[in-house]
Amino acid sequence: MTHAADYSSAIDRSTRPKATAPREPRLGFEGKMMSPGLLLLAALSIVPFLALVAMSFSHVRLLGGVRLDLVGVTNWVRFFTDADMWMSWLRTIIYFVLTVGLEMALGVGIALCLFRVLRGRNIMLSLLLLPMFAAPSIVGLLGRYLTDSTFGLYAWVLRSLGYTGDVLGSPVSAFAAVVLMDVWEWTPLIALITLAGLSSVPQSVREAAAVDGAPGWMTLRYIIFPAISNVLLVALLIRSMDAIRYFDIIWVTTNGGPADATKIVPVRLYETAFRFFDLGYAAAIGLAMLAFSIFIARTFVRLLDVRGLTR
């Protein structure tokens, strides 16, 4: 009888409907509180983007109110067939490679030197970070003043070394000048990020390498750089996103000259939109810059994901 009772109770339990756990709301309290702000931010991002796409396929008229006249792919055909635009892209890539490359090399080197300093590191770091706190337009004005051919300090030093030309008047020297101004301002940022990464390297690992007699270059190559590689990628991503759309220093110092030697894509975009008021073509240029920025960002993010998965 007991076995029959146990069997019947087991059948009752198996046929009894199971209690389901209460479903969590898809949008919790935090999501409901944040949704108005998120919707506003989405509207402020999506609506201008859609307007920019519409402008790239239109001729924008400003007299008598803003009016869009659809012209199809005319602006995009002009973009891909404009020789001056391709030269601007070439200058942009060269400017990007030089500025980011020099900033990474100098920033890492300065961070390694500061990391070995035991006394006065905070004072030296504070002095190093001063250029980063200045506005880019102020840096451009300062660089323009220092390179002036009549009273500039750097121009006087170059004349004493045998250079008699105008720094901002020659295409090659003007391009080199704006690159060095950018490097002077943003190298401290790379040094600061790298120094933070160096502080996370375990002291015991470095001491073990020193006890084993590993040379300094081997310690850097096999211990330091692999440990801070992700930090360097983040620093490279931050500076790359800024260097692609850099505008302030070039506009203040050379205005894109001389002979368009420093007219990179952001400068040409500004001139097209606000000097010639060709807003349809400017919208196509802006969308191309956006696509290039997304490509660079996705490349670095993918590298970070791969390194995170392989470790």
Protein backbone atom coordinates (compact mmCIF):
# COMPACT_ATOMS: atom_id res chain seq x y z
CA MET A 1 0.00 0.00 0.00
CA THR A 2 2.81 2.36 0.77
CA HIS A 3 4.37 1.77 -2.66
CA ALA A 4 1.04 2.47 -4.36
CA ALA A 5 0.60 5.66 -2.35
CA ASP A 6 4.11 6.83 -3.19
CA TYR A 7 3.50 6.06 -6.88
CA SER A 8 0.22 7.99 -6.94
CA SER A 9 1.77 11.00 -5.17
CA ALA A 10 4.62 10.98 -7.68
CA ILE A 11 2.12 11.01 -10.55
CA ASP A 12 0.27 13.91 -8.91
CA ARG A 13 3.51 15.90 -8.60
CA SER A 14 4.47 15.22 -12.23
CA THR A 15 1.09 16.29 -13.56
CA ARG A 16 0.81 19.33 -11.32
CA PRO A 17 1.68 22.55 -13.23
CA LYS A 18 5.10 23.86 -12.35
CA ALA A 19 5.40 27.27 -10.79
CA THR A 20 7.15 29.60 -13.22
CA ALA A 21 9.56 32.21 -11.98
CA PRO A 22 8.31 35.77 -12.45
CA ARG A 23 9.75 37.35 -15.57
CA GLU A 24 11.98 40.30 -15.05
CA PRO A 25 10.78 43.39 -16.85
CA ARG A 26 12.64 43.98 -20.09
CA LEU A 27 13.06 47.64 -19.15
CA GLY A 28 13.88 48.02 -15.48
CA PHE A 29 13.58 51.06 -13.27
CA GLU A 30 16.98 52.37 -14.33
CA GLY A 31 16.07 51.95 -17.99
CA LYS A 32 12.79 53.81 -17.54
CA MET A 33 14.57 56.68 -15.81
CA MET A 34 17.24 56.89 -18.51
CA SER A 35 14.95 56.43 -21.51
CA PRO A 36 13.99 60.14 -21.93
CA GLY A 37 17.61 61.20 -22.02
CA LEU A 38 18.57 58.32 -24.31
CA LEU A 39 15.74 59.15 -26.70
CA LEU A 40 16.83 62.79 -26.76
CA LEU A 41 20.45 61.84 -27.45
CA ALA A 42 19.32 59.44 -30.19
CA ALA A 43 17.22 62.17 -31.79
CA LEU A 44 20.12 64.64 -31.63
CA SER A 45 22.36 62.07 -33.36
CA ILE A 46 20.05 60.37 -35.84
CA VAL A 47 18.15 63.40 -37.14
CA PRO A 48 21.29 65.39 -38.13
CA PHE A 49 22.79 62.24 -39.67
CA LEU A 50 19.70 61.67 -41.82
CA ALA A 51 19.71 65.35 -42.79
CA LEU A 52 23.37 65.05 -43.77
CA VAL A 53 22.61 62.02 -45.94
CA ALA A 54 19.77 63.89 -47.64
CA MET A 55 22.02 66.90 -48.24
CA SER A 56 24.69 64.73 -49.86
CA PHE A 57 22.19 63.82 -52.59
CA SER A 58 20.91 67.36 -53.01
CA HIS A 59 21.83 70.87 -54.02
CA VAL A 60 21.22 73.01 -50.94
CA ARG A 61 19.78 76.46 -51.59
CA LEU A 62 19.99 79.03 -48.81
CA LEU A 63 18.36 82.11 -50.36
CA GLY A 64 14.78 82.50 -49.25
CA GLY A 65 15.06 79.64 -46.74
CA VAL A 66 16.78 76.28 -46.80
CA ARG A 67 15.63 74.15 -49.73
CA LEU A 68 16.94 70.82 -51.00
CA ASP A 69 16.94 70.12 -54.74
CA LEU A 70 17.66 66.46 -55.39
CA VAL A 71 20.57 65.94 -57.78
CA GLY A 72 21.11 62.19 -57.29
CA VAL A 73 24.71 61.03 -56.98
CA THR A 74 26.21 64.18 -58.51
CA ASN A 75 27.96 65.19 -55.29
CA TRP A 76 29.38 61.70 -54.82
CA VAL A 77 30.59 61.51 -58.42
CA ARG A 78 32.29 64.84 -57.91
CA PHE A 79 33.82 63.57 -54.68
CA PHE A 80 35.38 60.51 -56.32
CA THR A 81 36.60 62.41 -59.39
CA ASP A 82 37.96 65.54 -57.69
CA ALA A 83 41.75 65.51 -57.98
CA ASP A 84 42.14 68.24 -55.35
CA MET A 85 40.09 66.18 -52.92
CA TRP A 86 42.32 63.15 -53.41
CA MET A 87 45.36 65.34 -52.76
CA SER A 88 43.70 66.51 -49.54
CA TRP A 89 43.16 62.90 -48.52
CA LEU A 90 46.82 62.15 -49.25
CA ARG A 91 47.91 65.08 -47.08
CA THR A 92 45.51 63.92 -44.37
CA ILE A 93 46.99 60.41 -44.35
CA ILE A 94 50.55 61.76 -44.25
CA TYR A 95 49.59 64.18 -41.47
CA PHE A 96 47.86 61.34 -39.60
CA VAL A 97 50.83 58.98 -39.85
CA LEU A 98 53.42 61.59 -38.88
CA THR A 99 51.55 63.06 -35.93
CA VAL A 100 50.31 59.81 -34.43
CA GLY A 101 53.61 58.01 -35.08
CA LEU A 102 55.75 60.73 -33.51
CA GLU A 103 53.39 61.14 -30.57
CA MET A 104 53.39 57.41 -29.85
CA ALA A 105 57.18 57.12 -30.10
CA LEU A 106 57.93 60.22 -28.04
CA GLY A 107 55.14 59.56 -25.54
CA VAL A 108 56.30 56.02 -24.82
CA GLY A 109 59.92 57.15 -24.54
CA ILE A 110 59.06 59.98 -22.14
CA ALA A 111 56.88 57.65 -20.06
CA LEU A 112 59.71 55.12 -19.77
CA CYS A 113 62.07 57.87 -18.63
CA LEU A 114 59.59 59.24 -16.09
CA PHE A 115 58.88 55.76 -14.78
CA ARG A 116 62.52 55.41 -13.75
CA VAL A 117 62.53 58.76 -11.96
CA LEU A 118 61.99 58.36 -8.22
CA ARG A 119 62.26 61.94 -6.97
CA GLY A 120 60.42 64.84 -8.52
CA ARG A 121 58.27 62.70 -10.81
CA ASN A 122 55.08 64.58 -9.98
CA ILE A 123 56.68 67.95 -10.68
CA MET A 124 58.12 66.77 -13.98
CA LEU A 125 54.79 65.20 -14.96
CA SER A 126 52.94 68.43 -14.15
CA LEU A 127 55.31 70.44 -16.33
CA LEU A 128 55.01 67.86 -19.09
CA LEU A 129 51.21 68.04 -19.12
CA LEU A 130 51.03 71.83 -19.50
CA PRO A 131 50.76 71.86 -23.35
CA MET A 132 47.82 69.45 -23.21
CA PHE A 133 45.73 71.90 -21.19
CA ALA A 134 46.04 74.70 -23.75
CA ALA A 135 43.34 75.07 -26.38
CA PRO A 136 44.49 73.99 -29.87
CA SER A 137 43.76 77.47 -31.23
CA ILE A 138 46.03 78.96 -28.55
CA VAL A 139 48.74 76.46 -29.48
CA GLY A 140 48.37 77.53 -33.12
CA LEU A 141 48.65 81.22 -32.23
CA LEU A 142 51.70 80.52 -30.07
CA GLY A 143 53.32 78.50 -32.86
CA ARG A 144 52.57 81.23 -35.38
CA TYR A 145 54.17 83.81 -33.09
CA LEU A 146 57.28 81.72 -32.44
CA THR A 147 57.81 80.91 -36.13
CA ASP A 148 57.27 84.47 -37.40
CA SER A 149 60.12 85.42 -39.70
CA THR A 150 60.62 88.87 -38.13
CA PHE A 151 60.50 88.36 -34.36
CA GLY A 152 59.85 84.63 -33.76
CA LEU A 153 62.19 82.79 -31.41
CA TYR A 154 62.20 79.59 -33.46
CA ALA A 155 62.78 81.57 -36.66
CA TRP A 156 65.79 83.22 -35.02
CA VAL A 157 67.19 79.85 -33.94
CA LEU A 158 66.72 78.45 -37.46
CA ARG A 159 68.45 81.48 -38.98
CA SER A 160 71.40 80.92 -36.65
CA LEU A 161 71.52 77.35 -37.93
CA GLY A 162 71.57 78.48 -41.55
CA TYR A 163 67.88 78.37 -42.54
CA THR A 164 66.89 81.70 -44.09
CA GLY A 165 63.40 80.98 -45.40
CA ASP A 166 59.99 81.69 -43.88
CA VAL A 167 58.87 78.71 -41.82
CA LEU A 168 55.18 79.12 -42.61
CA GLY A 169 55.83 80.43 -46.12
CA SER A 170 57.34 77.28 -47.61
CA PRO A 171 55.11 74.22 -48.29
CA VAL A 172 57.46 71.67 -46.74
CA SER A 173 58.43 73.70 -43.67
CA ALA A 174 54.82 74.79 -43.07
CA PHE A 175 53.61 71.20 -43.12
CA ALA A 176 56.43 70.16 -40.77
CA ALA A 177 55.60 73.08 -38.47
CA VAL A 178 51.92 72.20 -38.02
CA VAL A 179 52.86 68.54 -37.47
CA LEU A 180 55.34 69.48 -34.74
CA MET A 181 52.82 71.79 -33.09
CA ASP A 182 50.33 68.93 -32.90
CA VAL A 183 53.04 66.61 -31.57
CA TRP A 184 54.08 69.16 -28.94
CA GLU A 185 50.52 69.47 -27.66
CA TRP A 186 49.39 65.83 -27.56
CA THR A 187 52.55 63.85 -26.79
CA PRO A 188 51.94 64.41 -23.04
CA LEU A 189 48.60 62.58 -23.35
CA ILE A 190 50.32 59.48 -24.75
CA ALA A 191 52.98 59.73 -22.05
CA LEU A 192 50.32 59.96 -19.32
CA ILE A 193 48.39 56.93 -20.61
CA THR A 194 51.59 54.91 -21.05
CA LEU A 195 52.80 55.85 -17.57
CA ALA A 196 49.52 54.56 -16.13
CA GLY A 197 50.03 51.29 -18.00
CA LEU A 198 53.61 50.98 -16.76
CA SER A 199 52.41 51.37 -13.18
CA SER A 200 50.30 48.21 -13.60
CA VAL A 201 53.28 45.99 -14.55
CA PRO A 202 54.07 43.75 -11.55
CA GLN A 203 57.21 44.78 -9.73
CA SER A 204 58.09 41.14 -9.03
CA VAL A 205 58.26 40.31 -12.74
CA ARG A 206 60.65 43.18 -13.44
CA GLU A 207 62.78 42.26 -10.45
CA ALA A 208 62.93 38.63 -11.59
CA ALA A 209 64.10 39.75 -15.03
CA ALA A 210 66.78 41.91 -13.42
CA VAL A 211 67.94 39.04 -11.19
CA ASP A 212 68.17 36.73 -14.22
CA GLY A 213 70.42 39.29 -15.90
CA ALA A 214 68.07 40.20 -18.74
CA PRO A 215 69.25 43.29 -20.66
CA GLY A 216 67.05 46.36 -20.66
CA TRP A 217 65.94 45.97 -24.28
CA MET A 218 64.87 42.36 -23.65
CA THR A 219 62.88 43.44 -20.60
CA LEU A 220 61.13 46.06 -22.70
CA ARG A 221 60.46 43.70 -25.59
CA TYR A 222 59.34 40.59 -23.74
CA ILE A 223 57.89 41.96 -20.49
CA ILE A 224 57.02 45.67 -20.57
CA PHE A 225 55.58 46.07 -24.07
CA PRO A 226 53.44 42.88 -24.00
CA ALA A 227 52.05 43.94 -20.61
CA ILE A 228 51.04 47.43 -21.78
CA SER A 229 50.13 46.60 -25.40
CA ASN A 230 46.39 47.02 -24.78
CA VAL A 231 47.00 50.37 -23.09
CA LEU A 232 49.04 51.50 -26.08
CA LEU A 233 46.25 50.44 -28.42
CA VAL A 234 43.77 52.51 -26.44
CA ALA A 235 46.09 55.52 -26.59
CA LEU A 236 46.54 54.98 -30.32
CA LEU A 237 42.77 54.81 -30.80
CA ILE A 238 42.19 58.04 -28.87
CA ARG A 239 44.78 60.00 -30.81
CA SER A 240 43.76 58.51 -34.16
CA MET A 241 40.17 59.63 -33.76
CA ASP A 242 41.35 63.16 -32.98
CA ALA A 243 44.05 63.38 -35.67
CA ILE A 244 41.64 62.42 -38.47
CA ARG A 245 39.46 65.47 -37.87
CA TYR A 246 42.10 67.91 -36.66
CA PHE A 247 41.45 71.47 -37.75
CA ASP A 248 42.32 74.17 -35.19
CA ILE A 249 46.11 74.47 -35.40
CA ILE A 250 46.23 74.36 -39.20
CA TRP A 251 43.46 76.92 -39.60
CA VAL A 252 45.03 79.37 -37.15
CA THR A 253 48.60 79.09 -38.44
CA THR A 254 48.50 78.53 -42.21
CA ASN A 255 44.79 78.60 -43.17
CA GLY A 256 45.52 75.59 -45.38
CA GLY A 257 48.41 77.23 -47.24
CA PRO A 258 50.87 77.94 -48.61
CA ALA A 259 49.74 76.61 -52.00
CA ASP A 260 47.34 74.19 -50.25
CA ALA A 261 50.32 72.41 -48.68
CA THR A 262 48.52 71.99 -45.33
CA LYS A 263 44.95 71.79 -46.63
CA ILE A 264 43.86 68.47 -45.18
CA VAL A 265 40.30 67.15 -45.49
CA PRO A 266 38.81 68.93 -42.42
CA VAL A 267 40.10 72.28 -43.71
CA ARG A 268 38.70 71.62 -47.19
CA LEU A 269 35.39 70.58 -45.61
CA TYR A 270 35.20 73.88 -43.71
CA GLU A 271 36.00 75.90 -46.82
CA THR A 272 33.48 74.02 -48.94
CA ALA A 273 30.71 74.48 -46.40
CA PHE A 274 31.30 77.95 -44.95
CA ARG A 275 33.36 79.80 -47.55
CA PHE A 276 31.78 78.55 -50.79
CA PHE A 277 28.46 77.44 -49.19
CA ASP A 278 28.42 74.23 -51.26
CA LEU A 279 26.66 72.34 -48.49
CA GLY A 280 25.67 69.32 -50.59
CA TYR A 281 29.27 68.56 -51.55
CA ALA A 282 30.39 69.34 -47.99
CA ALA A 283 27.88 66.78 -46.69
CA ALA A 284 29.42 64.12 -48.96
CA ILE A 285 32.90 65.01 -47.66
CA GLY A 286 31.68 64.83 -44.06
CA LEU A 287 30.09 61.41 -44.57
CA ALA A 288 33.31 60.12 -46.14
CA MET A 289 35.27 61.38 -43.12
CA LEU A 290 32.75 59.67 -40.84
CA ALA A 291 33.15 56.37 -42.71
CA PHE A 292 36.94 56.63 -42.50
CA SER A 293 36.78 57.37 -38.76
CA ILE A 294 34.49 54.38 -38.17
CA PHE A 295 36.86 52.15 -40.15
CA ILE A 296 39.86 53.25 -38.05
CA ALA A 297 37.92 52.83 -34.80
CA ARG A 298 36.61 49.38 -35.74
CA THR A 299 40.12 48.27 -36.69
CA PHE A 300 41.56 49.17 -33.29
CA VAL A 301 38.56 47.78 -31.40
CA ARG A 302 38.90 44.51 -33.29
CA LEU A 303 42.58 44.37 -32.36
CA LEU A 304 41.66 44.90 -28.72
CA ASP A 305 39.03 42.14 -28.90
CA VAL A 306 41.46 39.71 -30.49
CA ARG A 307 44.15 40.40 -27.91
CA GLY A 308 41.60 40.02 -25.13
CA LEU A 309 40.48 36.64 -26.48
CA THR A 310 43.96 35.31 -27.02
CA ARG A 311 45.10 36.08 -23.48
